[in-house]
C-alpha atoms as a PDB file:
ATOM      1  CA  MET A   1     -46.729  -7.013  93.451  1.00  0.00           C
ATOM      2  CA  ASP A   2     -49.219  -9.673  92.386  1.00  0.00           C
ATOM      3  CA  ARG A   3     -49.953 -12.911  94.313  1.00  0.00           C
ATOM      4  CA  PHE A   4     -47.694 -15.065  92.096  1.00  0.00           C
ATOM      5  CA  MET A   5     -44.646 -12.968  92.775  1.00  0.00           C
ATOM      6  CA  GLU A   6     -45.581 -12.691  96.391  1.00  0.00           C
ATOM      7  CA  ARG A   7     -45.672 -16.505  96.540  1.00  0.00           C
ATOM      8  CA  ALA A   8     -42.223 -16.744  94.751  1.00  0.00           C
ATOM      9  CA  VAL A   9     -40.643 -14.284  97.205  1.00  0.00           C
ATOM     10  CA  SER A  10     -42.347 -16.046 100.177  1.00  0.00           C
ATOM     11  CA  LEU A  11     -40.869 -19.319  99.091  1.00  0.00           C
ATOM     12  CA  ALA A  12     -37.431 -17.710  98.759  1.00  0.00           C
ATOM     13  CA  LEU A  13     -37.714 -16.394 102.284  1.00  0.00           C
ATOM     14  CA  MET A  14     -38.809 -19.687 103.677  1.00  0.00           C
ATOM     15  CA  ASN A  15     -35.840 -21.396 101.940  1.00  0.00           C
ATOM     16  CA  VAL A  16     -33.474 -18.959 103.636  1.00  0.00           C
ATOM     17  CA  GLU A  17     -35.023 -19.666 106.974  1.00  0.00           C
ATOM     18  CA  GLU A  18     -34.342 -23.414 106.266  1.00  0.00           C
ATOM     19  CA  GLY A  19     -30.750 -22.866 105.464  1.00  0.00           C
ATOM     20  CA  GLY A  20     -31.052 -22.526 101.692  1.00  0.00           C
ATOM     21  CA  GLN A  21     -30.436 -19.684  99.132  1.00  0.00           C
ATOM     22  CA  PRO A  22     -33.024 -16.874  98.493  1.00  0.00           C
ATOM     23  CA  PHE A  23     -34.572 -18.327  95.356  1.00  0.00           C
ATOM     24  CA  GLY A  24     -38.203 -19.323  94.898  1.00  0.00           C
ATOM     25  CA  ALA A  25     -40.197 -19.886  91.708  1.00  0.00           C
ATOM     26  CA  VAL A  26     -43.818 -20.324  90.775  1.00  0.00           C
ATOM     27  CA  LEU A  27     -44.965 -21.500  87.371  1.00  0.00           C
ATOM     28  CA  VAL A  28     -48.495 -20.300  86.222  1.00  0.00           C
ATOM     29  CA  LYS A  29     -50.799 -21.414  83.518  1.00  0.00           C
ATOM     30  CA  ASP A  30     -54.212 -19.981  82.885  1.00  0.00           C
ATOM     31  CA  GLY A  31     -54.043 -17.952  86.130  1.00  0.00           C
ATOM     32  CA  GLU A  32     -53.397 -21.000  88.240  1.00  0.00           C
ATOM     33  CA  ILE A  33     -50.194 -22.194  89.990  1.00  0.00           C
ATOM     34  CA  ILE A  34     -49.091 -25.472  88.334  1.00  0.00           C
ATOM     35  CA  ALA A  35     -45.741 -25.951  90.070  1.00  0.00           C
ATOM     36  CA  GLU A  36     -43.353 -24.363  92.607  1.00  0.00           C
ATOM     37  CA  GLY A  37     -39.746 -24.754  93.565  1.00  0.00           C
ATOM     38  CA  VAL A  38     -36.966 -23.380  95.788  1.00  0.00           C
ATOM     39  CA  ASN A  39     -33.289 -23.929  95.523  1.00  0.00           C
ATOM     40  CA  GLU A  40     -32.525 -27.342  97.042  1.00  0.00           C
ATOM     41  CA  LEU A  41     -28.701 -27.269  96.652  1.00  0.00           C
ATOM     42  CA  HIS A  42     -28.305 -27.458 100.494  1.00  0.00           C
ATOM     43  CA  LYS A  43     -30.551 -30.561 100.601  1.00  0.00           C
ATOM     44  CA  ALA A  44     -29.830 -32.514  97.426  1.00  0.00           C
ATOM     45  CA  HIS A  45     -26.226 -31.477  96.553  1.00  0.00           C
ATOM     46  CA  ASP A  46     -27.439 -31.103  93.038  1.00  0.00           C
ATOM     47  CA  VAL A  47     -26.300 -28.105  91.086  1.00  0.00           C
ATOM     48  CA  SER A  48     -29.395 -28.405  88.820  1.00  0.00           C
ATOM     49  CA  GLY A  49     -31.640 -28.138  91.877  1.00  0.00           C
ATOM     50  CA  HIS A  50     -32.505 -24.521  91.237  1.00  0.00           C
ATOM     51  CA  ALA A  51     -36.011 -23.132  91.989  1.00  0.00           C
ATOM     52  CA  GLU A  52     -36.999 -22.570  88.362  1.00  0.00           C
ATOM     53  CA  MET A  53     -35.564 -25.959  87.234  1.00  0.00           C
ATOM     54  CA  LEU A  54     -37.590 -27.769  89.873  1.00  0.00           C
ATOM     55  CA  ALA A  55     -40.717 -25.930  89.049  1.00  0.00           C
ATOM     56  CA  VAL A  56     -40.250 -26.855  85.375  1.00  0.00           C
ATOM     57  CA  ARG A  57     -39.577 -30.551  86.131  1.00  0.00           C
ATOM     58  CA  ARG A  58     -42.618 -30.754  88.403  1.00  0.00           C
ATOM     59  CA  ALA A  59     -44.858 -29.205  85.857  1.00  0.00           C
ATOM     60  CA  GLN A  60     -43.498 -31.442  83.075  1.00  0.00           C
ATOM     61  CA  GLU A  61     -44.100 -34.510  85.240  1.00  0.00           C
ATOM     62  CA  GLU A  62     -47.566 -33.445  86.303  1.00  0.00           C
ATOM     63  CA  LEU A  63     -48.622 -32.526  82.721  1.00  0.00           C
ATOM     64  CA  GLN A  64     -46.657 -35.360  81.162  1.00  0.00           C
ATOM     65  CA  ALA A  65     -45.237 -32.879  78.613  1.00  0.00           C
ATOM     66  CA  ALA A  66     -41.788 -31.783  77.782  1.00  0.00           C
ATOM     67  CA  GLU A  67     -43.082 -28.374  76.468  1.00  0.00           C
ATOM     68  CA  LEU A  68     -44.963 -25.963  78.650  1.00  0.00           C
ATOM     69  CA  PRO A  69     -46.603 -23.448  76.243  1.00  0.00           C
ATOM     70  CA  GLY A  70     -48.789 -20.684  77.695  1.00  0.00           C
ATOM     71  CA  THR A  71     -46.926 -20.699  80.994  1.00  0.00           C
ATOM     72  CA  ILE A  72     -45.379 -17.772  82.987  1.00  0.00           C
ATOM     73  CA  MET A  73     -42.490 -18.227  85.378  1.00  0.00           C
ATOM     74  CA  TYR A  74     -42.445 -16.011  88.413  1.00  0.00           C
ATOM     75  CA  ALA A  75     -39.077 -16.017  90.062  1.00  0.00           C
ATOM     76  CA  SER A  76     -37.818 -14.263  93.186  1.00  0.00           C
ATOM     77  CA  SER A  77     -34.562 -13.469  91.289  1.00  0.00           C
ATOM     78  CA  GLU A  78     -33.388 -13.012  87.730  1.00  0.00           C
ATOM     79  CA  PRO A  79     -32.745 -16.602  86.394  1.00  0.00           C
ATOM     80  CA  CYS A  80     -29.281 -17.995  86.005  1.00  0.00           C
ATOM     81  CA  PRO A  81     -28.105 -19.070  82.512  1.00  0.00           C
ATOM     82  CA  MET A  82     -29.045 -22.760  83.218  1.00  0.00           C
ATOM     83  CA  CYS A  83     -32.590 -21.905  84.375  1.00  0.00           C
ATOM     84  CA  LEU A  84     -33.080 -19.525  81.548  1.00  0.00           C
ATOM     85  CA  THR A  85     -31.923 -22.072  78.985  1.00  0.00           C
ATOM     86  CA  ALA A  86     -34.244 -24.786  80.455  1.00  0.00           C
ATOM     87  CA  MET A  87     -37.112 -22.311  80.165  1.00  0.00           C
ATOM     88  CA  TYR A  88     -36.263 -21.761  76.583  1.00  0.00           C
ATOM     89  CA  PHE A  89     -36.301 -25.508  75.991  1.00  0.00           C
ATOM     90  CA  ALA A  90     -39.555 -25.885  77.809  1.00  0.00           C
ATOM     91  CA  GLY A  91     -41.270 -23.153  75.800  1.00  0.00           C
ATOM     92  CA  ILE A  92     -42.168 -20.991  78.687  1.00  0.00           C
ATOM     93  CA  GLU A  93     -43.931 -17.861  77.384  1.00  0.00           C
ATOM     94  CA  LYS A  94     -42.687 -15.149  79.925  1.00  0.00           C
ATOM     95  CA  ILE A  95     -40.506 -14.822  82.863  1.00  0.00           C
ATOM     96  CA  ILE A  96     -41.198 -12.249  85.475  1.00  0.00           C
ATOM     97  CA  TYR A  97     -38.518 -11.775  88.224  1.00  0.00           C
ATOM     98  CA  CYS A  98     -38.116  -9.677  91.392  1.00  0.00           C
ATOM     99  CA  CYS A  99     -34.387  -9.244  92.367  1.00  0.00           C
ATOM    100  CA  THR A 100     -31.744  -8.603  89.868  1.00  0.00           C
ATOM    101  CA  ILE A 101     -28.415 -10.397  89.228  1.00  0.00           C
ATOM    102  CA  ASP A 102     -26.740  -7.261  90.580  1.00  0.00           C
ATOM    103  CA  GLU A 103     -28.722  -7.710  93.869  1.00  0.00           C
ATOM    104  CA  ALA A 104     -27.689 -11.374  93.900  1.00  0.00           C
ATOM    105  CA  VAL A 105     -24.075 -10.400  93.426  1.00  0.00           C
ATOM    106  CA  ALA A 106     -24.393  -7.896  96.343  1.00  0.00           C
ATOM    107  CA  ALA A 107     -25.676 -10.760  98.473  1.00  0.00           C
ATOM    108  CA  GLY A 108     -22.553 -12.885  97.714  1.00  0.00           C
ATOM    109  CA  LEU A 109     -24.313 -14.978  94.907  1.00  0.00           C
ATOM    110  CA  GLY A 110     -22.259 -13.847  91.816  1.00  0.00           C
ATOM    111  CA  LYS A 111     -21.956 -17.053  89.812  1.00  0.00           C
ATOM    112  CA  SER A 112     -24.784 -16.237  87.447  1.00  0.00           C
ATOM    113  CA  GLN A 113     -23.252 -12.885  86.518  1.00  0.00           C
ATOM    114  CA  GLU A 114     -19.816 -14.622  86.096  1.00  0.00           C
ATOM    115  CA  ILE A 115     -21.303 -17.204  83.691  1.00  0.00           C
ATOM    116  CA  TYR A 116     -23.326 -14.638  81.646  1.00  0.00           C
ATOM    117  CA  GLU A 117     -20.102 -12.579  81.176  1.00  0.00           C
ATOM    118  CA  ASP A 118     -18.102 -15.730  80.271  1.00  0.00           C
ATOM    119  CA  LEU A 119     -20.783 -16.781  77.677  1.00  0.00           C
ATOM    120  CA  GLN A 120     -20.109 -13.445  75.887  1.00  0.00           C
ATOM    121  CA  LYS A 121     -16.478 -14.555  75.185  1.00  0.00           C
ATOM    122  CA  SER A 122     -15.453 -16.688  72.230  1.00  0.00           C
ATOM    123  CA  PRO A 123     -15.517 -20.361  73.042  1.00  0.00           C
ATOM    124  CA  GLY A 124     -11.723 -20.626  73.196  1.00  0.00           C
ATOM    125  CA  ASP A 125     -11.514 -17.803  75.767  1.00  0.00           C
ATOM    126  CA  ARG A 126     -14.128 -19.235  78.210  1.00  0.00           C
ATOM    127  CA  MET A 127     -13.405 -20.622  81.675  1.00  0.00           C
ATOM    128  CA  LEU A 128     -14.855 -23.985  80.671  1.00  0.00           C
ATOM    129  CA  ARG A 129     -13.259 -25.190  77.500  1.00  0.00           C
ATOM    130  CA  LEU A 130     -14.984 -27.187  74.916  1.00  0.00           C
ATOM    131  CA  HIS A 131     -13.046 -29.661  72.852  1.00  0.00           C
ATOM    132  CA  HIS A 132     -14.471 -31.219  69.573  1.00  0.00           C
ATOM    133  CA  MET A 133     -13.744 -34.881  69.030  1.00  0.00           C
ATOM    134  CA  PRO A 134     -15.400 -35.927  65.712  1.00  0.00           C
ATOM    135  CA  LEU A 135     -16.544 -39.423  64.965  1.00  0.00           C
ATOM    136  CA  THR A 136     -14.079 -41.665  63.043  1.00  0.00           C
ATOM    137  CA  GLY A 137     -14.958 -42.864  59.598  1.00  0.00           C
ATOM    138  CA  GLU A 138     -16.411 -46.235  60.666  1.00  0.00           C
ATOM    139  CA  GLN A 139     -18.606 -44.922  63.561  1.00  0.00           C
ATOM    140  CA  VAL A 140     -22.340 -44.464  63.077  1.00  0.00           C
ATOM    141  CA  SER A 141     -23.600 -40.960  63.677  1.00  0.00           C
ATOM    142  CA  PRO A 142     -26.379 -40.834  66.363  1.00  0.00           C
ATOM    143  CA  MET A 143     -27.422 -37.525  64.768  1.00  0.00           C
ATOM    144  CA  ARG A 144     -27.712 -39.026  61.353  1.00  0.00           C
ATOM    145  CA  ILE A 145     -29.736 -41.989  62.734  1.00  0.00           C
ATOM    146  CA  PHE A 146     -32.086 -39.606  64.594  1.00  0.00           C
ATOM    147  CA  ALA A 147     -32.543 -37.357  61.520  1.00  0.00           C
ATOM    148  CA  GLU A 148     -33.493 -40.400  59.437  1.00  0.00           C
ATOM    149  CA  ARG A 149     -35.920 -41.731  61.929  1.00  0.00           C
ATOM    150  CA  SER A 150     -37.559 -38.392  62.454  1.00  0.00           C
ATOM    151  CA  GLY A 151     -37.805 -37.577  58.726  1.00  0.00           C
ATOM    152  CA  ASN A 152     -35.335 -34.780  58.687  1.00  0.00           C
END
């Protein structure tokens, strides 16, 4: 195990000792740690307060950049769907994780597996239903205005 994963696992262990869940993340660029995070659900009561999400937010703030090319995320556990999606949007190059989702399920943390399985279903069969409500004829489309202003 390299020093970056050792740090992610160490953060996860420290978080458990402080009453949190066993998740730590370290974001690396050019061989240097640029941000870290642990799950802060127990502190902030924020469902987006996952270790990877916080590491990404901190790096974006520090670098004043929405995209983080050339970065590698080291996570103590396989990312949940939300964190994985955020890392796609941020342009993270690679994710290296230690514990699997199956290990998380065995520890009583099965929501990620449940969501991954649900996302395999057709939209109408998912636990969380999406309902489309289109604009009416007289409403201005925010997407059309954005496309025009961005030259698309």
